[in-house]
Amino acid sequence: MHTIVEAFGGIVTGEDAAKGLHRALPNEDWPAQLYRVLKAAQVRQVSYVPDAGHSELIRLFAADPGVVSNVLTTEEEGIAIATGAWLGGSRSVLLLQSSGVGNCVNMLSLVTMTRTPLLMLVTMRGEWAEFNPWQVPMGLATAPVLAAMGIRVMRADMPRDLIETVESAATLAFEAEQQVAVLLSQRLLGAKKW
């Protein structure tokens, strides 16, 4: 089952949104490894605003009939979905870009005050070889903003760091009932080009 949203007069499903994204790293297999790690952590819901950095992971989850894919109109909706999923006995992950962290600030108080487990995977912008000056301020502010809201921040700069970091973050989130964000560096994702 996939959440359906109405966009610009048409209906878009999770599969449609995932198909429309450009694959960020065609020669890397870390998205598939990351998918397996999250499945092993019993993640049954994934929420996201379509993002090229997460495109392969989104495709894998959208194709999985055992996972509910929620296409968001704005990132803070994913915080509410993660809270509802946990209350309903399900684990979820929120996929977002660093620019979307700013949209979540007020809603993050929900999970910190209720001590609801939260796992966020944040693709970074505004750092390694960034071409868009509008991405730089939030790229600089992402980790401090999350920390100020009580979210534990972890970071992966290279593919070899990513799997172990996300495994650790999933354990902290779902077993120790913590709120954790893993920042996927722009260097890991590769320089964006338009």
C-alpha atoms as a PDB file:
ATOM      1  CA  MET A   1       0.000   0.000   0.000  1.00  0.00           C
ATOM      2  CA  HIS A   2       1.381   3.403  -0.913  1.00  0.00           C
ATOM      3  CA  THR A   3       0.207   6.816   0.161  1.00  0.00           C
ATOM      4  CA  ILE A   4      -1.233   8.773  -2.729  1.00  0.00           C
ATOM      5  CA  VAL A   5      -0.956  12.550  -2.973  1.00  0.00           C
ATOM      6  CA  GLU A   6      -2.572  14.916  -5.390  1.00  0.00           C
ATOM      7  CA  ALA A   7      -0.009  17.082  -7.170  1.00  0.00           C
ATOM      8  CA  PHE A   8      -0.778  19.718  -9.787  1.00  0.00           C
ATOM      9  CA  GLY A   9      -4.119  18.155 -10.647  1.00  0.00           C
ATOM     10  CA  GLY A  10      -2.773  14.620 -11.105  1.00  0.00           C
ATOM     11  CA  ILE A  11      -2.312  11.638  -8.849  1.00  0.00           C
ATOM     12  CA  VAL A  12       1.231  10.640  -7.925  1.00  0.00           C
ATOM     13  CA  THR A  13       2.075   7.401  -6.133  1.00  0.00           C
ATOM     14  CA  GLY A  14       5.286   6.508  -4.338  1.00  0.00           C
ATOM     15  CA  GLU A  15       6.343   4.423  -7.334  1.00  0.00           C
ATOM     16  CA  ASP A  16       5.716   7.352  -9.704  1.00  0.00           C
ATOM     17  CA  ALA A  17       7.739   9.743  -7.569  1.00  0.00           C
ATOM     18  CA  ALA A  18      10.614   7.289  -7.318  1.00  0.00           C
ATOM     19  CA  LYS A  19      10.636   6.643 -11.087  1.00  0.00           C
ATOM     20  CA  GLY A  20      10.861  10.369 -11.760  1.00  0.00           C
ATOM     21  CA  LEU A  21      14.080  10.804  -9.807  1.00  0.00           C
ATOM     22  CA  HIS A  22      17.505  10.646 -11.388  1.00  0.00           C
ATOM     23  CA  ARG A  23      19.786   8.034  -9.928  1.00  0.00           C
ATOM     24  CA  ALA A  24      22.518   9.836  -7.999  1.00  0.00           C
ATOM     25  CA  LEU A  25      25.234   7.167  -7.959  1.00  0.00           C
ATOM     26  CA  PRO A  26      24.742   4.602 -10.735  1.00  0.00           C
ATOM     27  CA  ASN A  27      27.987   2.732  -9.984  1.00  0.00           C
ATOM     28  CA  GLU A  28      27.644   2.498  -6.206  1.00  0.00           C
ATOM     29  CA  ASP A  29      25.857  -0.293  -4.366  1.00  0.00           C
ATOM     30  CA  TRP A  30      25.517   1.427  -0.997  1.00  0.00           C
ATOM     31  CA  PRO A  31      21.789   2.225  -1.487  1.00  0.00           C
ATOM     32  CA  ALA A  32      21.038  -1.509  -1.789  1.00  0.00           C
ATOM     33  CA  GLN A  33      23.148  -2.249   1.284  1.00  0.00           C
ATOM     34  CA  LEU A  34      21.398   0.542   3.164  1.00  0.00           C
ATOM     35  CA  TYR A  35      18.008  -0.847   2.125  1.00  0.00           C
ATOM     36  CA  ARG A  36      18.995  -4.264   3.553  1.00  0.00           C
ATOM     37  CA  VAL A  37      20.152  -2.657   6.820  1.00  0.00           C
ATOM     38  CA  LEU A  38      16.845  -0.817   7.217  1.00  0.00           C
ATOM     39  CA  LYS A  39      14.839  -3.934   6.378  1.00  0.00           C
ATOM     40  CA  ALA A  40      16.868  -5.884   8.977  1.00  0.00           C
ATOM     41  CA  ALA A  41      15.976  -3.132  11.468  1.00  0.00           C
ATOM     42  CA  GLN A  42      12.313  -3.932  10.674  1.00  0.00           C
ATOM     43  CA  VAL A  43      11.527  -0.588   9.045  1.00  0.00           C
ATOM     44  CA  ARG A  44       8.009  -0.895   7.601  1.00  0.00           C
ATOM     45  CA  GLN A  45       7.324   2.705   6.626  1.00  0.00           C
ATOM     46  CA  VAL A  46       9.397   5.225   4.707  1.00  0.00           C
ATOM     47  CA  SER A  47       8.501   8.887   4.302  1.00  0.00           C
ATOM     48  CA  TYR A  48      10.175  11.296   1.917  1.00  0.00           C
ATOM     49  CA  VAL A  49      10.046  14.364  -0.252  1.00  0.00           C
ATOM     50  CA  PRO A  50      11.540  13.172  -3.564  1.00  0.00           C
ATOM     51  CA  ASP A  51      15.295  13.796  -3.547  1.00  0.00           C
ATOM     52  CA  ALA A  52      17.971  12.723  -6.030  1.00  0.00           C
ATOM     53  CA  GLY A  53      20.361  11.749  -3.216  1.00  0.00           C
ATOM     54  CA  HIS A  54      17.848   9.219  -1.890  1.00  0.00           C
ATOM     55  CA  SER A  55      16.470   8.189  -5.294  1.00  0.00           C
ATOM     56  CA  GLU A  56      17.741   4.605  -5.392  1.00  0.00           C
ATOM     57  CA  LEU A  57      16.717   3.948  -1.788  1.00  0.00           C
ATOM     58  CA  ILE A  58      13.280   5.409  -2.540  1.00  0.00           C
ATOM     59  CA  ARG A  59      12.963   3.114  -5.584  1.00  0.00           C
ATOM     60  CA  LEU A  60      13.850   0.055  -3.513  1.00  0.00           C
ATOM     61  CA  PHE A  61      11.312   0.869  -0.817  1.00  0.00           C
ATOM     62  CA  ALA A  62       8.603   1.841  -3.322  1.00  0.00           C
ATOM     63  CA  ALA A  63       8.977  -1.569  -4.993  1.00  0.00           C
ATOM     64  CA  ASP A  64       8.698  -3.419  -1.664  1.00  0.00           C
ATOM     65  CA  PRO A  65       5.094  -4.503  -0.968  1.00  0.00           C
ATOM     66  CA  GLY A  66       5.978  -4.988   2.711  1.00  0.00           C
ATOM     67  CA  VAL A  67       6.762  -1.286   3.195  1.00  0.00           C
ATOM     68  CA  VAL A  68       4.405   1.691   3.181  1.00  0.00           C
ATOM     69  CA  SER A  69       5.917   4.545   1.149  1.00  0.00           C
ATOM     70  CA  ASN A  70       4.665   8.008   2.093  1.00  0.00           C
ATOM     71  CA  VAL A  71       5.345  10.788  -0.400  1.00  0.00           C
ATOM     72  CA  LEU A  72       5.339  14.010   1.617  1.00  0.00           C
ATOM     73  CA  THR A  73       4.409  17.522   0.586  1.00  0.00           C
ATOM     74  CA  THR A  74       6.692  18.875   3.307  1.00  0.00           C
ATOM     75  CA  GLU A  75       9.242  17.189   5.540  1.00  0.00           C
ATOM     76  CA  GLU A  76       7.625  17.836   8.916  1.00  0.00           C
ATOM     77  CA  GLU A  77       4.744  15.557   7.930  1.00  0.00           C
ATOM     78  CA  GLY A  78       7.292  12.738   8.175  1.00  0.00           C
ATOM     79  CA  ILE A  79       7.835  13.469  11.879  1.00  0.00           C
ATOM     80  CA  ALA A  80       4.110  13.004  12.543  1.00  0.00           C
ATOM     81  CA  ILE A  81       4.034   9.839  10.413  1.00  0.00           C
ATOM     82  CA  ALA A  82       7.020   8.398  12.305  1.00  0.00           C
ATOM     83  CA  THR A  83       5.268   9.117  15.611  1.00  0.00           C
ATOM     84  CA  GLY A  84       2.019   7.531  14.446  1.00  0.00           C
ATOM     85  CA  ALA A  85       3.864   4.524  13.039  1.00  0.00           C
ATOM     86  CA  TRP A  86       5.648   3.938  16.349  1.00  0.00           C
ATOM     87  CA  LEU A  87       2.396   4.251  18.310  1.00  0.00           C
ATOM     88  CA  GLY A  88       0.894   1.706  15.913  1.00  0.00           C
ATOM     89  CA  GLY A  89       3.754  -0.732  16.475  1.00  0.00           C
ATOM     90  CA  SER A  90       5.689  -0.011  13.267  1.00  0.00           C
ATOM     91  CA  ARG A  91       9.179   1.350  12.616  1.00  0.00           C
ATOM     92  CA  SER A  92       9.798   4.056  10.055  1.00  0.00           C
ATOM     93  CA  VAL A  93      12.554   6.115   8.510  1.00  0.00           C
ATOM     94  CA  LEU A  94      12.351   9.703   7.264  1.00  0.00           C
ATOM     95  CA  LEU A  95      14.430  10.526   4.176  1.00  0.00           C
ATOM     96  CA  LEU A  96      15.088  14.208   3.591  1.00  0.00           C
ATOM     97  CA  GLN A  97      17.581  16.743   2.318  1.00  0.00           C
ATOM     98  CA  SER A  98      19.415  19.177   4.600  1.00  0.00           C
ATOM     99  CA  SER A  99      17.283  22.045   3.292  1.00  0.00           C
ATOM    100  CA  GLY A 100      14.217  20.189   4.599  1.00  0.00           C
ATOM    101  CA  VAL A 101      15.560  20.038   8.152  1.00  0.00           C
ATOM    102  CA  GLY A 102      14.630  23.690   8.533  1.00  0.00           C
ATOM    103  CA  ASN A 103      11.020  22.765   7.785  1.00  0.00           C
ATOM    104  CA  CYS A 104      11.027  20.235  10.642  1.00  0.00           C
ATOM    105  CA  VAL A 105      12.262  22.345  13.549  1.00  0.00           C
ATOM    106  CA  ASN A 106       8.949  22.972  15.305  1.00  0.00           C
ATOM    107  CA  MET A 107       7.647  19.441  14.681  1.00  0.00           C
ATOM    108  CA  LEU A 108      10.822  17.890  16.151  1.00  0.00           C
ATOM    109  CA  SER A 109       9.550  18.988  19.553  1.00  0.00           C
ATOM    110  CA  LEU A 110       6.878  16.262  19.179  1.00  0.00           C
ATOM    111  CA  VAL A 111       9.406  13.420  19.204  1.00  0.00           C
ATOM    112  CA  THR A 112      11.743  14.958  21.762  1.00  0.00           C
ATOM    113  CA  MET A 113       8.935  15.722  24.232  1.00  0.00           C
ATOM    114  CA  THR A 114       7.222  12.348  23.793  1.00  0.00           C
ATOM    115  CA  ARG A 115      10.542  10.460  23.543  1.00  0.00           C
ATOM    116  CA  THR A 116       9.330   8.765  20.380  1.00  0.00           C
ATOM    117  CA  PRO A 117      12.033   6.914  18.426  1.00  0.00           C
ATOM    118  CA  LEU A 118      13.011   8.691  15.218  1.00  0.00           C
ATOM    119  CA  LEU A 119      15.438   7.741  12.465  1.00  0.00           C
ATOM    120  CA  MET A 120      16.200  10.384   9.836  1.00  0.00           C
ATOM    121  CA  LEU A 121      18.579  10.020   6.896  1.00  0.00           C
ATOM    122  CA  VAL A 122      19.574  13.482   5.700  1.00  0.00           C
ATOM    123  CA  THR A 123      21.329  14.055   2.373  1.00  0.00           C
ATOM    124  CA  MET A 124      23.559  17.089   2.730  1.00  0.00           C
ATOM    125  CA  ARG A 125      23.761  20.094   0.455  1.00  0.00           C
ATOM    126  CA  GLY A 126      25.766  23.273   0.808  1.00  0.00           C
ATOM    127  CA  GLU A 127      29.127  21.619   1.354  1.00  0.00           C
ATOM    128  CA  TRP A 128      31.329  19.527  -0.970  1.00  0.00           C
ATOM    129  CA  ALA A 129      31.466  21.194  -4.417  1.00  0.00           C
ATOM    130  CA  GLU A 130      28.089  22.928  -3.960  1.00  0.00           C
ATOM    131  CA  PHE A 131      27.078  25.110  -6.903  1.00  0.00           C
ATOM    132  CA  ASN A 132      23.876  26.614  -5.452  1.00  0.00           C
ATOM    133  CA  PRO A 133      24.528  29.415  -2.907  1.00  0.00           C
ATOM    134  CA  TRP A 134      20.981  29.044  -1.533  1.00  0.00           C
ATOM    135  CA  GLN A 135      21.890  25.580  -0.186  1.00  0.00           C
ATOM    136  CA  VAL A 136      24.905  26.768   1.831  1.00  0.00           C
ATOM    137  CA  PRO A 137      23.222  28.408   4.876  1.00  0.00           C
ATOM    138  CA  MET A 138      21.069  25.388   5.773  1.00  0.00           C
ATOM    139  CA  GLY A 139      23.949  23.047   4.967  1.00  0.00           C
ATOM    140  CA  LEU A 140      25.986  24.862   7.623  1.00  0.00           C
ATOM    141  CA  ALA A 141      23.081  24.932  10.084  1.00  0.00           C
ATOM    142  CA  THR A 142      21.770  21.360   9.741  1.00  0.00           C
ATOM    143  CA  ALA A 143      23.815  19.632  12.467  1.00  0.00           C
ATOM    144  CA  PRO A 144      23.583  22.524  14.978  1.00  0.00           C
ATOM    145  CA  VAL A 145      19.813  22.883  14.437  1.00  0.00           C
ATOM    146  CA  LEU A 146      19.220  19.155  14.954  1.00  0.00           C
ATOM    147  CA  ALA A 147      21.428  19.104  18.058  1.00  0.00           C
ATOM    148  CA  ALA A 148      19.637  22.169  19.467  1.00  0.00           C
ATOM    149  CA  MET A 149      16.336  20.270  19.132  1.00  0.00           C
ATOM    150  CA  GLY A 150      17.714  17.298  21.071  1.00  0.00           C
ATOM    151  CA  ILE A 151      18.362  15.063  18.064  1.00  0.00           C
ATOM    152  CA  ARG A 152      21.527  12.923  18.144  1.00  0.00           C
ATOM    153  CA  VAL A 153      23.547  13.662  14.998  1.00  0.00           C
ATOM    154  CA  MET A 154      25.767  11.099  13.273  1.00  0.00           C
ATOM    155  CA  ARG A 155      27.580  11.570   9.973  1.00  0.00           C
ATOM    156  CA  ALA A 156      28.809   9.414   7.115  1.00  0.00           C
ATOM    157  CA  ASP A 157      31.362  10.907   4.741  1.00  0.00           C
ATOM    158  CA  MET A 158      32.277   7.811   2.740  1.00  0.00           C
ATOM    159  CA  PRO A 159      30.332   4.704   1.639  1.00  0.00           C
ATOM    160  CA  ARG A 160      32.383   2.499   3.977  1.00  0.00           C
ATOM    161  CA  ASP A 161      31.166   4.594   6.954  1.00  0.00           C
ATOM    162  CA  LEU A 162      27.531   4.683   5.946  1.00  0.00           C
ATOM    163  CA  ILE A 163      26.340   1.141   6.606  1.00  0.00           C
ATOM    164  CA  GLU A 164      27.898   0.863  10.066  1.00  0.00           C
ATOM    165  CA  THR A 165      26.667   4.350  10.987  1.00  0.00           C
ATOM    166  CA  VAL A 166      23.072   3.621   9.934  1.00  0.00           C
ATOM    167  CA  GLU A 167      23.125   0.250  11.738  1.00  0.00           C
ATOM    168  CA  SER A 168      24.227   2.061  14.889  1.00  0.00           C
ATOM    169  CA  ALA A 169      21.633   4.805  14.407  1.00  0.00           C
ATOM    170  CA  ALA A 170      18.817   2.273  13.873  1.00  0.00           C
ATOM    171  CA  THR A 171      19.775   0.477  17.089  1.00  0.00           C
ATOM    172  CA  LEU A 172      19.841   3.763  19.012  1.00  0.00           C
ATOM    173  CA  ALA A 173      16.508   4.836  17.562  1.00  0.00           C
ATOM    174  CA  PHE A 174      14.514   1.635  17.814  1.00  0.00           C
ATOM    175  CA  GLU A 175      16.103  -0.227  20.717  1.00  0.00           C
ATOM    176  CA  ALA A 176      17.189   2.686  22.948  1.00  0.00           C
ATOM    177  CA  GLU A 177      14.200   4.816  21.840  1.00  0.00           C
ATOM    178  CA  GLN A 178      16.301   7.800  20.769  1.00  0.00           C
ATOM    179  CA  GLN A 179      15.915  10.439  18.078  1.00  0.00           C
ATOM    180  CA  VAL A 180      18.762  10.144  15.568  1.00  0.00           C
ATOM    181  CA  ALA A 181      19.701  11.861  12.313  1.00  0.00           C
ATOM    182  CA  VAL A 182      22.394  10.440  10.040  1.00  0.00           C
ATOM    183  CA  LEU A 183      23.885  13.081   7.760  1.00  0.00           C
ATOM    184  CA  LEU A 184      24.971  11.682   4.380  1.00  0.00           C
ATOM    185  CA  SER A 185      27.709  14.058   3.275  1.00  0.00           C
ATOM    186  CA  GLN A 186      27.654  15.686  -0.116  1.00  0.00           C
ATOM    187  CA  ARG A 187      31.030  14.084  -0.762  1.00  0.00           C
ATOM    188  CA  LEU A 188      29.449  10.642  -0.254  1.00  0.00           C
ATOM    189  CA  LEU A 189      26.634  11.527  -2.667  1.00  0.00           C
ATOM    190  CA  GLY A 190      28.888  13.194  -5.223  1.00  0.00           C
ATOM    191  CA  ALA A 191      28.905  16.741  -6.518  1.00  0.00           C
ATOM    192  CA  LYS A 192      25.565  17.759  -7.963  1.00  0.00           C
ATOM    193  CA  LYS A 193      25.514  19.025 -11.538  1.00  0.00           C
ATOM    194  CA  TRP A 194      22.619  20.523 -13.459  1.00  0.00           C
END
